[in-house]
Amino acid sequence: MRGRIKILMTSAVLVLPLFVAPAFAAGGGGGGGSDGGSDNTSCPKGKVYDKKSKKCKDAQRGAVDDDSLYEYGRLLAERGRYNEAISILSLAADKTDPRILNYLGYSHRKAGRVVVALGYYHEALRNNPDYTLVREYLGEAYLQQGDLKSARGQLAEIEKRCGKGCREYVLLADQIDAYLNG
């Protein structure tokens, strides 16, 4: 009986983000409009930069290709505009793209929704277990939850895939050291 409950709870954690993200996409939220960046990829809120046309287009499903959605969503996430990033990334046609799942996880984690982020990270790894950036972010999420053992597990997985010198290994190792030193 306990095994079934654990499986159901795990399934809920992994599937829930797939239902939560569209709600955020519909509501928007987050930072202001264009942040005044000097690059040509800054669009006002509600718009997304389309690489092909090199213009800002309405943020609607099918308005731009998934690569443009990924790149613009990642840019928004890296600029701290997490809810806008979630809105843009949620428009992607390919709901299995590990890059998009990773940045949906990243944005939710940075917005304080770590449990939702875990679902996206795990889904991304199901689609590409060798995606070390997901493993690095997943390790950081585990640290946010105080789960040092799981964070170290992700560090070991990164080491298997790219060694101790790769960027993701170094970043997660630094995060673990910072966690331990307090």
N, C-alpha and C. Protein backbone atom coordinates (compact mmCIF):
# COMPACT_ATOMS: atom_id res chain seq x y z
N MET A 1 0.82 -1.19 0.00
CA MET A 1 0.00 0.00 0.00
C MET A 1 0.87 1.26 0.00
N ARG A 2 1.90 1.31 0.87
CA ARG A 2 2.78 2.48 0.91
C ARG A 2 3.49 2.69 -0.41
N GLY A 3 3.86 1.59 -1.06
CA GLY A 3 4.53 1.68 -2.36
C GLY A 3 3.63 2.36 -3.39
N ARG A 4 2.34 2.02 -3.38
CA ARG A 4 1.39 2.63 -4.32
C ARG A 4 1.24 4.12 -4.05
N ILE A 5 1.15 4.47 -2.78
CA ILE A 5 1.01 5.88 -2.43
C ILE A 5 2.24 6.65 -2.87
N LYS A 6 3.41 6.09 -2.64
CA LYS A 6 4.65 6.75 -3.04
C LYS A 6 4.69 6.93 -4.56
N ILE A 7 4.29 5.91 -5.31
CA ILE A 7 4.26 6.00 -6.77
C ILE A 7 3.27 7.07 -7.20
N LEU A 8 2.09 7.10 -6.59
CA LEU A 8 1.09 8.11 -6.94
C LEU A 8 1.60 9.52 -6.64
N MET A 9 2.24 9.70 -5.49
CA MET A 9 2.76 11.02 -5.14
C MET A 9 3.87 11.44 -6.08
N THR A 10 4.76 10.51 -6.41
CA THR A 10 5.84 10.81 -7.35
C THR A 10 5.27 11.17 -8.70
N SER A 11 4.28 10.42 -9.15
CA SER A 11 3.65 10.71 -10.44
C SER A 11 3.01 12.08 -10.44
N ALA A 12 2.35 12.43 -9.34
CA ALA A 12 1.71 13.73 -9.25
C ALA A 12 2.73 14.85 -9.33
N VAL A 13 3.88 14.68 -8.66
CA VAL A 13 4.92 15.70 -8.70
C VAL A 13 5.47 15.86 -10.11
N LEU A 14 5.58 14.77 -10.84
CA LEU A 14 6.14 14.83 -12.18
C LEU A 14 5.15 15.33 -13.21
N VAL A 15 3.87 15.05 -13.03
CA VAL A 15 2.86 15.43 -14.01
C VAL A 15 2.30 16.81 -13.73
N LEU A 16 2.21 17.21 -12.46
CA LEU A 16 1.62 18.48 -12.09
C LEU A 16 2.17 19.66 -12.89
N PRO A 17 3.50 19.75 -13.09
CA PRO A 17 4.01 20.90 -13.82
C PRO A 17 3.45 21.02 -15.23
N LEU A 18 3.08 19.92 -15.83
CA LEU A 18 2.55 19.97 -17.18
C LEU A 18 1.18 20.65 -17.21
N PHE A 19 0.49 20.66 -16.06
CA PHE A 19 -0.80 21.32 -15.97
C PHE A 19 -0.67 22.73 -15.41
N VAL A 20 0.35 22.96 -14.58
CA VAL A 20 0.53 24.25 -13.94
C VAL A 20 1.04 25.28 -14.93
N ALA A 21 1.97 24.90 -15.79
CA ALA A 21 2.60 25.86 -16.70
C ALA A 21 1.60 26.58 -17.59
N PRO A 22 0.61 25.88 -18.19
CA PRO A 22 -0.33 26.62 -19.02
C PRO A 22 -1.10 27.69 -18.24
N ALA A 23 -1.35 27.45 -16.96
CA ALA A 23 -2.04 28.46 -16.16
C ALA A 23 -1.19 29.72 -16.03
N PHE A 24 0.11 29.53 -15.82
CA PHE A 24 0.99 30.69 -15.75
C PHE A 24 1.09 31.36 -17.11
N ALA A 25 1.10 30.56 -18.17
CA ALA A 25 1.21 31.11 -19.52
C ALA A 25 0.01 32.00 -19.81
N ALA A 26 -1.16 31.60 -19.35
CA ALA A 26 -2.36 32.38 -19.62
C ALA A 26 -2.35 33.68 -18.84
N GLY A 27 -1.83 33.64 -17.60
CA GLY A 27 -1.90 34.80 -16.73
C GLY A 27 -0.74 35.75 -16.86
N GLY A 28 0.37 35.32 -17.43
CA GLY A 28 1.53 36.19 -17.54
C GLY A 28 2.16 36.41 -16.19
N GLY A 29 2.30 37.65 -15.82
CA GLY A 29 2.93 37.97 -14.54
C GLY A 29 4.41 38.15 -14.72
N GLY A 30 5.06 38.67 -13.72
CA GLY A 30 6.51 38.82 -13.78
C GLY A 30 6.91 40.25 -13.96
N GLY A 31 8.14 40.41 -14.44
CA GLY A 31 8.74 41.72 -14.56
C GLY A 31 8.05 42.61 -15.56
N GLY A 32 8.62 43.78 -15.76
CA GLY A 32 8.03 44.76 -16.65
C GLY A 32 8.24 44.41 -18.11
N GLY A 33 8.13 45.38 -18.95
CA GLY A 33 8.28 45.16 -20.38
C GLY A 33 9.74 45.02 -20.75
N SER A 34 10.11 45.61 -21.87
CA SER A 34 11.48 45.54 -22.34
C SER A 34 12.41 46.12 -21.29
N ASP A 35 13.52 45.45 -21.08
CA ASP A 35 14.44 45.93 -20.05
C ASP A 35 15.45 46.91 -20.60
N GLY A 36 15.23 47.34 -21.83
CA GLY A 36 16.10 48.35 -22.41
C GLY A 36 17.45 47.82 -22.82
N GLY A 37 17.59 46.51 -22.96
CA GLY A 37 18.86 45.92 -23.37
C GLY A 37 19.26 46.41 -24.75
N SER A 38 20.55 46.40 -25.04
CA SER A 38 21.03 46.93 -26.30
C SER A 38 20.91 45.92 -27.44
N ASP A 39 20.65 44.65 -27.13
CA ASP A 39 20.54 43.67 -28.22
C ASP A 39 19.15 43.76 -28.84
N ASN A 40 19.03 43.15 -30.02
CA ASN A 40 17.77 43.25 -30.75
C ASN A 40 16.77 42.18 -30.34
N THR A 41 17.01 41.50 -29.23
CA THR A 41 16.08 40.46 -28.81
C THR A 41 15.20 40.91 -27.65
N SER A 42 15.26 42.18 -27.27
CA SER A 42 14.39 42.68 -26.21
C SER A 42 13.06 43.06 -26.81
N CYS A 43 12.03 42.40 -26.33
CA CYS A 43 10.69 42.67 -26.81
C CYS A 43 9.83 43.12 -25.64
N PRO A 44 8.79 43.90 -25.92
CA PRO A 44 7.88 44.26 -24.83
C PRO A 44 7.14 43.02 -24.32
N LYS A 45 6.63 43.13 -23.12
CA LYS A 45 5.87 42.04 -22.53
C LYS A 45 4.74 41.64 -23.47
N GLY A 46 4.54 40.32 -23.63
CA GLY A 46 3.49 39.82 -24.51
C GLY A 46 3.96 39.58 -25.93
N LYS A 47 5.24 39.87 -26.18
CA LYS A 47 5.83 39.65 -27.50
C LYS A 47 7.01 38.69 -27.34
N VAL A 48 7.41 38.08 -28.45
CA VAL A 48 8.56 37.18 -28.45
C VAL A 48 9.38 37.48 -29.70
N TYR A 49 10.71 37.41 -29.55
CA TYR A 49 11.60 37.67 -30.67
C TYR A 49 11.64 36.46 -31.59
N ASP A 50 11.35 36.69 -32.86
CA ASP A 50 11.38 35.64 -33.87
C ASP A 50 12.69 35.76 -34.65
N LYS A 51 13.53 34.71 -34.54
CA LYS A 51 14.84 34.73 -35.20
C LYS A 51 14.71 34.86 -36.71
N LYS A 52 13.72 34.20 -37.28
CA LYS A 52 13.58 34.18 -38.74
C LYS A 52 13.26 35.57 -39.29
N SER A 53 12.27 36.23 -38.73
CA SER A 53 11.88 37.54 -39.24
C SER A 53 12.68 38.67 -38.59
N LYS A 54 13.40 38.33 -37.51
CA LYS A 54 14.17 39.32 -36.75
C LYS A 54 13.28 40.45 -36.24
N LYS A 55 12.06 40.07 -35.81
CA LYS A 55 11.10 41.03 -35.28
C LYS A 55 10.43 40.44 -34.05
N CYS A 56 9.88 41.33 -33.23
CA CYS A 56 9.06 40.89 -32.11
C CYS A 56 7.66 40.58 -32.64
N LYS A 57 7.16 39.42 -32.25
CA LYS A 57 5.82 39.01 -32.66
C LYS A 57 4.97 38.74 -31.43
N ASP A 58 3.66 38.74 -31.63
CA ASP A 58 2.77 38.40 -30.53
C ASP A 58 3.11 37.03 -29.97
N ALA A 59 3.10 36.92 -28.65
CA ALA A 59 3.39 35.65 -27.98
C ALA A 59 2.13 34.79 -28.02
N GLN A 60 2.00 34.03 -29.08
CA GLN A 60 0.87 33.13 -29.28
C GLN A 60 1.40 31.80 -29.77
N ARG A 61 0.72 30.74 -29.39
CA ARG A 61 1.09 29.41 -29.85
C ARG A 61 1.11 29.39 -31.37
N GLY A 62 2.22 28.93 -31.95
CA GLY A 62 2.35 28.82 -33.39
C GLY A 62 2.82 30.08 -34.09
N ALA A 63 2.96 31.18 -33.36
CA ALA A 63 3.38 32.44 -33.99
C ALA A 63 4.85 32.41 -34.39
N VAL A 64 5.66 31.69 -33.61
CA VAL A 64 7.09 31.57 -33.91
C VAL A 64 7.52 30.13 -33.66
N ASP A 65 8.68 29.77 -34.19
CA ASP A 65 9.17 28.39 -34.04
C ASP A 65 9.70 28.14 -32.63
N ASP A 66 9.81 26.85 -32.28
CA ASP A 66 10.24 26.46 -30.94
C ASP A 66 11.65 26.94 -30.60
N ASP A 67 12.54 26.98 -31.59
CA ASP A 67 13.90 27.46 -31.31
C ASP A 67 13.89 28.92 -30.85
N SER A 68 13.07 29.73 -31.50
CA SER A 68 12.95 31.14 -31.10
C SER A 68 12.33 31.25 -29.71
N LEU A 69 11.31 30.43 -29.45
CA LEU A 69 10.69 30.43 -28.13
C LEU A 69 11.70 30.04 -27.06
N TYR A 70 12.49 29.00 -27.35
CA TYR A 70 13.51 28.57 -26.39
C TYR A 70 14.52 29.69 -26.13
N GLU A 71 15.06 30.25 -27.20
CA GLU A 71 16.10 31.26 -27.02
C GLU A 71 15.58 32.49 -26.30
N TYR A 72 14.37 32.92 -26.64
CA TYR A 72 13.83 34.11 -25.97
C TYR A 72 13.42 33.79 -24.53
N GLY A 73 12.85 32.62 -24.31
CA GLY A 73 12.50 32.21 -22.95
C GLY A 73 13.73 32.09 -22.07
N ARG A 74 14.79 31.53 -22.61
CA ARG A 74 16.05 31.41 -21.86
C ARG A 74 16.60 32.80 -21.53
N LEU A 75 16.55 33.71 -22.50
CA LEU A 75 17.02 35.07 -22.28
C LEU A 75 16.23 35.74 -21.16
N LEU A 76 14.92 35.59 -21.19
CA LEU A 76 14.09 36.17 -20.14
C LEU A 76 14.43 35.57 -18.77
N ALA A 77 14.60 34.25 -18.74
CA ALA A 77 14.94 33.58 -17.48
C ALA A 77 16.28 34.07 -16.95
N GLU A 78 17.25 34.19 -17.81
CA GLU A 78 18.58 34.64 -17.39
C GLU A 78 18.57 36.09 -16.92
N ARG A 79 17.59 36.85 -17.37
CA ARG A 79 17.44 38.24 -16.94
C ARG A 79 16.55 38.37 -15.71
N GLY A 80 16.12 37.23 -15.17
CA GLY A 80 15.31 37.26 -13.96
C GLY A 80 13.83 37.50 -14.19
N ARG A 81 13.40 37.43 -15.42
CA ARG A 81 11.98 37.63 -15.76
C ARG A 81 11.31 36.26 -15.87
N TYR A 82 11.25 35.57 -14.72
CA TYR A 82 10.88 34.16 -14.68
C TYR A 82 9.46 33.87 -15.14
N ASN A 83 8.50 34.63 -14.69
CA ASN A 83 7.12 34.35 -15.09
C ASN A 83 6.90 34.62 -16.58
N GLU A 84 7.56 35.63 -17.12
CA GLU A 84 7.49 35.87 -18.56
C GLU A 84 8.14 34.71 -19.33
N ALA A 85 9.27 34.23 -18.81
CA ALA A 85 9.95 33.10 -19.45
C ALA A 85 9.03 31.89 -19.49
N ILE A 86 8.35 31.63 -18.38
CA ILE A 86 7.43 30.50 -18.32
C ILE A 86 6.32 30.67 -19.35
N SER A 87 5.80 31.87 -19.47
CA SER A 87 4.74 32.13 -20.45
C SER A 87 5.22 31.84 -21.87
N ILE A 88 6.41 32.30 -22.19
CA ILE A 88 6.96 32.11 -23.54
C ILE A 88 7.28 30.64 -23.79
N LEU A 89 8.00 30.01 -22.87
CA LEU A 89 8.40 28.61 -23.04
C LEU A 89 7.21 27.67 -23.12
N SER A 90 6.13 28.02 -22.44
CA SER A 90 4.93 27.18 -22.45
C SER A 90 4.21 27.18 -23.79
N LEU A 91 4.59 28.09 -24.67
CA LEU A 91 3.98 28.15 -26.00
C LEU A 91 4.59 27.15 -26.98
N ALA A 92 5.68 26.51 -26.61
CA ALA A 92 6.37 25.59 -27.52
C ALA A 92 5.46 24.45 -27.96
N ALA A 93 5.57 24.10 -29.22
CA ALA A 93 4.78 22.99 -29.75
C ALA A 93 5.30 21.65 -29.25
N ASP A 94 6.63 21.53 -29.13
CA ASP A 94 7.25 20.28 -28.69
C ASP A 94 7.39 20.29 -27.17
N LYS A 95 6.45 19.65 -26.50
CA LYS A 95 6.44 19.62 -25.04
C LYS A 95 7.46 18.64 -24.46
N THR A 96 8.25 17.98 -25.33
CA THR A 96 9.27 17.04 -24.87
C THR A 96 10.68 17.58 -25.05
N ASP A 97 10.84 18.77 -25.59
CA ASP A 97 12.16 19.34 -25.85
C ASP A 97 12.88 19.56 -24.52
N PRO A 98 13.98 18.84 -24.27
CA PRO A 98 14.68 18.96 -22.98
C PRO A 98 15.17 20.38 -22.68
N ARG A 99 15.52 21.13 -23.71
CA ARG A 99 15.98 22.51 -23.48
C ARG A 99 14.85 23.35 -22.89
N ILE A 100 13.67 23.20 -23.47
CA ILE A 100 12.52 23.98 -23.01
C ILE A 100 12.10 23.52 -21.62
N LEU A 101 12.07 22.21 -21.41
CA LEU A 101 11.73 21.67 -20.08
C LEU A 101 12.73 22.16 -19.04
N ASN A 102 14.01 22.20 -19.39
CA ASN A 102 15.04 22.65 -18.47
C ASN A 102 14.80 24.09 -18.04
N TYR A 103 14.53 24.97 -19.01
CA TYR A 103 14.34 26.37 -18.64
C TYR A 103 12.98 26.64 -18.01
N LEU A 104 12.00 25.80 -18.27
CA LEU A 104 10.77 25.88 -17.49
C LEU A 104 11.08 25.53 -16.03
N GLY A 105 11.87 24.48 -15.84
CA GLY A 105 12.28 24.11 -14.48
C GLY A 105 13.08 25.22 -13.82
N TYR A 106 14.04 25.75 -14.54
CA TYR A 106 14.89 26.82 -14.02
C TYR A 106 14.05 28.02 -13.58
N SER A 107 13.12 28.42 -14.45
CA SER A 107 12.30 29.59 -14.17
C SER A 107 11.39 29.36 -12.96
N HIS A 108 10.79 28.19 -12.89
CA HIS A 108 9.95 27.89 -11.73
C HIS A 108 10.78 27.85 -10.46
N ARG A 109 11.98 27.24 -10.52
CA ARG A 109 12.84 27.16 -9.33
C ARG A 109 13.24 28.55 -8.87
N LYS A 110 13.66 29.38 -9.79
CA LYS A 110 14.09 30.73 -9.43
C LYS A 110 12.92 31.58 -8.93
N ALA A 111 11.70 31.24 -9.36
CA ALA A 111 10.51 31.95 -8.89
C ALA A 111 10.00 31.38 -7.57
N GLY A 112 10.72 30.37 -7.03
CA GLY A 112 10.37 29.83 -5.72
C GLY A 112 9.52 28.58 -5.76
N ARG A 113 9.26 28.04 -6.93
CA ARG A 113 8.44 26.84 -7.05
C ARG A 113 9.34 25.63 -7.34
N VAL A 114 10.10 25.23 -6.33
CA VAL A 114 11.11 24.18 -6.49
C VAL A 114 10.48 22.84 -6.83
N VAL A 115 9.38 22.49 -6.20
CA VAL A 115 8.74 21.19 -6.47
C VAL A 115 8.26 21.12 -7.92
N VAL A 116 7.72 22.21 -8.43
CA VAL A 116 7.30 22.24 -9.83
C VAL A 116 8.53 22.09 -10.73
N ALA A 117 9.60 22.78 -10.38
CA ALA A 117 10.84 22.70 -11.15
C ALA A 117 11.35 21.27 -11.25
N LEU A 118 11.29 20.54 -10.14
CA LEU A 118 11.78 19.16 -10.13
C LEU A 118 11.08 18.32 -11.19
N GLY A 119 9.79 18.52 -11.35
CA GLY A 119 9.05 17.77 -12.36
C GLY A 119 9.57 18.05 -13.76
N TYR A 120 9.84 19.31 -14.06
CA TYR A 120 10.38 19.65 -15.38
C TYR A 120 11.77 19.07 -15.58
N TYR A 121 12.62 19.16 -14.57
CA TYR A 121 13.97 18.62 -14.68
C TYR A 121 13.94 17.11 -14.92
N HIS A 122 13.11 16.42 -14.17
CA HIS A 122 13.04 14.96 -14.34
C HIS A 122 12.51 14.59 -15.72
N GLU A 123 11.55 15.33 -16.21
CA GLU A 123 11.01 15.08 -17.56
C GLU A 123 12.10 15.33 -18.60
N ALA A 124 12.86 16.40 -18.45
CA ALA A 124 13.95 16.69 -19.38
C ALA A 124 14.97 15.56 -19.40
N LEU A 125 15.29 15.02 -18.22
CA LEU A 125 16.26 13.93 -18.15
C LEU A 125 15.71 12.63 -18.72
N ARG A 126 14.41 12.43 -18.63
CA ARG A 126 13.81 11.25 -19.28
C ARG A 126 14.00 11.33 -20.79
N ASN A 127 13.96 12.53 -21.32
CA ASN A 127 14.11 12.72 -22.76
C ASN A 127 15.56 12.81 -23.20
N ASN A 128 16.45 13.20 -22.29
CA ASN A 128 17.88 13.27 -22.61
C ASN A 128 18.69 13.13 -21.32
N PRO A 129 19.00 11.90 -20.92
CA PRO A 129 19.72 11.68 -19.66
C PRO A 129 21.14 12.25 -19.65
N ASP A 130 21.66 12.60 -20.80
CA ASP A 130 23.02 13.14 -20.88
C ASP A 130 23.09 14.66 -20.85
N TYR A 131 21.97 15.32 -20.66
CA TYR A 131 21.91 16.78 -20.66
C TYR A 131 22.44 17.29 -19.32
N THR A 132 23.73 17.63 -19.29
CA THR A 132 24.39 17.95 -18.03
C THR A 132 23.91 19.27 -17.41
N LEU A 133 23.45 20.21 -18.22
CA LEU A 133 22.95 21.46 -17.65
C LEU A 133 21.71 21.19 -16.79
N VAL A 134 20.84 20.28 -17.25
CA VAL A 134 19.68 19.91 -16.44
C VAL A 134 20.16 19.31 -15.12
N ARG A 135 21.15 18.46 -15.19
CA ARG A 135 21.66 17.81 -13.97
C ARG A 135 22.24 18.84 -13.01
N GLU A 136 22.91 19.85 -13.54
CA GLU A 136 23.45 20.90 -12.67
C GLU A 136 22.32 21.65 -11.99
N TYR A 137 21.31 22.07 -12.74
CA TYR A 137 20.18 22.79 -12.16
C TYR A 137 19.39 21.91 -11.20
N LEU A 138 19.25 20.63 -11.52
CA LEU A 138 18.56 19.70 -10.64
C LEU A 138 19.32 19.59 -9.31
N GLY A 139 20.65 19.52 -9.39
CA GLY A 139 21.46 19.49 -8.17
C GLY A 139 21.26 20.73 -7.33
N GLU A 140 21.17 21.89 -7.97
CA GLU A 140 20.92 23.13 -7.24
C GLU A 140 19.54 23.10 -6.58
N ALA A 141 18.55 22.55 -7.28
CA ALA A 141 17.21 22.43 -6.70
C ALA A 141 17.24 21.53 -5.47
N TYR A 142 17.97 20.44 -5.56
CA TYR A 142 18.09 19.55 -4.40
C TYR A 142 18.73 20.28 -3.23
N LEU A 143 19.74 21.10 -3.50
CA LEU A 143 20.37 21.86 -2.42
C LEU A 143 19.37 22.82 -1.78
N GLN A 144 18.52 23.43 -2.61
CA GLN A 144 17.50 24.33 -2.07
C GLN A 144 16.57 23.59 -1.12
N GLN A 145 16.38 22.31 -1.36
CA GLN A 145 15.53 21.50 -0.49
C GLN A 145 16.31 20.86 0.66
N GLY A 146 17.62 21.10 0.71
CA GLY A 146 18.44 20.53 1.77
C GLY A 146 18.83 19.08 1.52
N ASP A 147 18.71 18.62 0.29
CA ASP A 147 18.99 17.23 -0.07
C ASP A 147 20.40 17.12 -0.67
N LEU A 148 21.39 17.15 0.20
CA LEU A 148 22.79 17.12 -0.22
C LEU A 148 23.13 15.82 -0.94
N LYS A 149 22.60 14.70 -0.47
CA LYS A 149 22.89 13.41 -1.08
C LYS A 149 22.46 13.38 -2.55
N SER A 150 21.28 13.86 -2.85
CA SER A 150 20.80 13.87 -4.24
C SER A 150 21.61 14.85 -5.09
N ALA A 151 21.99 15.99 -4.52
CA ALA A 151 22.82 16.95 -5.25
C ALA A 151 24.16 16.32 -5.61
N ARG A 152 24.75 15.61 -4.66
CA ARG A 152 26.01 14.92 -4.95
C ARG A 152 25.82 13.81 -5.99
N GLY A 153 24.66 13.19 -5.97
CA GLY A 153 24.34 12.18 -6.99
C GLY A 153 24.35 12.78 -8.38
N GLN A 154 23.80 13.99 -8.51
CA GLN A 154 23.80 14.66 -9.82
C GLN A 154 25.22 15.07 -10.21
N LEU A 155 26.01 15.47 -9.23
CA LEU A 155 27.40 15.82 -9.50
C LEU A 155 28.15 14.60 -10.06
N ALA A 156 27.90 13.44 -9.47
CA ALA A 156 28.54 12.20 -9.95
C ALA A 156 28.07 11.86 -11.37
N GLU A 157 26.80 12.10 -11.66
CA GLU A 157 26.28 11.84 -13.01
C GLU A 157 26.91 12.79 -14.03
N ILE A 158 27.10 14.03 -13.64
CA ILE A 158 27.76 14.99 -14.53
C ILE A 158 29.19 14.56 -14.79
N GLU A 159 29.89 14.14 -13.73
CA GLU A 159 31.28 13.69 -13.88
C GLU A 159 31.38 12.53 -14.86
N LYS A 160 30.45 11.59 -14.79
CA LYS A 160 30.45 10.44 -15.72
C LYS A 160 30.33 10.90 -17.17
N ARG A 161 29.60 11.97 -17.39
CA ARG A 161 29.30 12.40 -18.75
C ARG A 161 30.33 13.37 -19.34
N CYS A 162 30.94 14.20 -18.47
CA CYS A 162 31.86 15.19 -19.05
C CYS A 162 33.09 15.47 -18.20
N GLY A 163 33.24 14.76 -17.08
CA GLY A 163 34.44 14.92 -16.26
C GLY A 163 34.34 16.08 -15.29
N LYS A 164 35.38 16.20 -14.48
CA LYS A 164 35.41 17.23 -13.44
C LYS A 164 35.72 18.62 -13.97
N GLY A 165 36.19 18.70 -15.20
CA GLY A 165 36.57 20.00 -15.74
C GLY A 165 35.46 20.71 -16.49
N CYS A 166 34.35 20.04 -16.74
CA CYS A 166 33.30 20.71 -17.52
C CYS A 166 32.58 21.75 -16.67
N ARG A 167 32.03 22.72 -17.34
CA ARG A 167 31.40 23.87 -16.70
C ARG A 167 30.33 23.45 -15.68
N GLU A 168 29.45 22.53 -16.07
CA GLU A 168 28.36 22.13 -15.18
C GLU A 168 28.88 21.46 -13.91
N TYR A 169 29.93 20.65 -14.04
CA TYR A 169 30.52 20.00 -12.87
C TYR A 169 31.07 21.07 -11.92
N VAL A 170 31.84 22.00 -12.47
CA VAL A 170 32.46 23.04 -11.65
C VAL A 170 31.40 23.88 -10.95
N LEU A 171 30.35 24.27 -11.68
CA LEU A 171 29.31 25.10 -11.09
C LEU A 171 28.57 24.38 -9.96
N LEU A 172 28.20 23.13 -10.18
CA LEU A 172 27.49 22.40 -9.13
C LEU A 172 28.42 22.10 -7.95
N ALA A 173 29.66 21.75 -8.23
CA ALA A 173 30.62 21.50 -7.14
C ALA A 173 30.78 22.76 -6.29
N ASP A 174 30.83 23.93 -6.92
CA ASP A 174 30.92 25.20 -6.19
C ASP A 174 29.67 25.44 -5.34
N GLN A 175 28.51 25.11 -5.89
CA GLN A 175 27.26 25.28 -5.14
C GLN A 175 27.22 24.35 -3.92
N ILE A 176 27.70 23.12 -4.11
CA ILE A 176 27.74 22.18 -2.99
C ILE A 176 28.71 22.67 -1.92
N ASP A 177 29.87 23.16 -2.34
CA ASP A 177 30.83 23.71 -1.38
C ASP A 177 30.22 24.89 -0.62
N ALA A 178 29.55 25.77 -1.32
CA ALA A 178 28.92 26.93 -0.68
C ALA A 178 27.84 26.47 0.31
N TYR A 179 27.10 25.45 -0.07
CA TYR A 179 26.06 24.90 0.81
C TYR A 179 26.68 24.35 2.09
N LEU A 180 27.78 23.61 1.93
CA LEU A 180 28.45 23.01 3.09
C LEU A 180 29.10 24.06 3.99
N ASN A 181 29.55 25.15 3.39
CA ASN A 181 30.25 26.18 4.16
C ASN A 181 29.31 27.28 4.66
N GLY A 182 28.06 27.11 4.36
CA GLY A 182 27.09 27.88 4.85
C GLY A 182 26.44 29.07 4.87
